[in-house]
């Protein structure tokens, strides 16, 4: 059994804050990886992959294993969706949970 490599953290093990710190000083026309893009828009890599397969989500460049997102495209995409989130989203989330019917009680086994 080989010992694990030391020194460099795997990208999947980095926190969102670490990923955002890595791209903080980049210009708007810089390209970033899918992992960094997911952190930037506060989403997940899986969601971005799903959106790409459905031809949804932010604009991306490349294909297959080499996908990159331009920071300015992510900014533009988020700005376009800012109106989709209601100002009282937290209140609505709480209200919708309260409006849900109660869970069914399980009947005792006979």
Foldseek 3Di string as FASTA:
>chain_A
DDDDDDDDDDLVPDDLVVLCVVCVPPDQQDKDDLCSLCSVLVHHSVVVVVCVVVVHDFDWDDDDPDIIDGNNSSVVRVVVCPVVQDPVNVVVVVVVVVPDDDDDDDDDDD
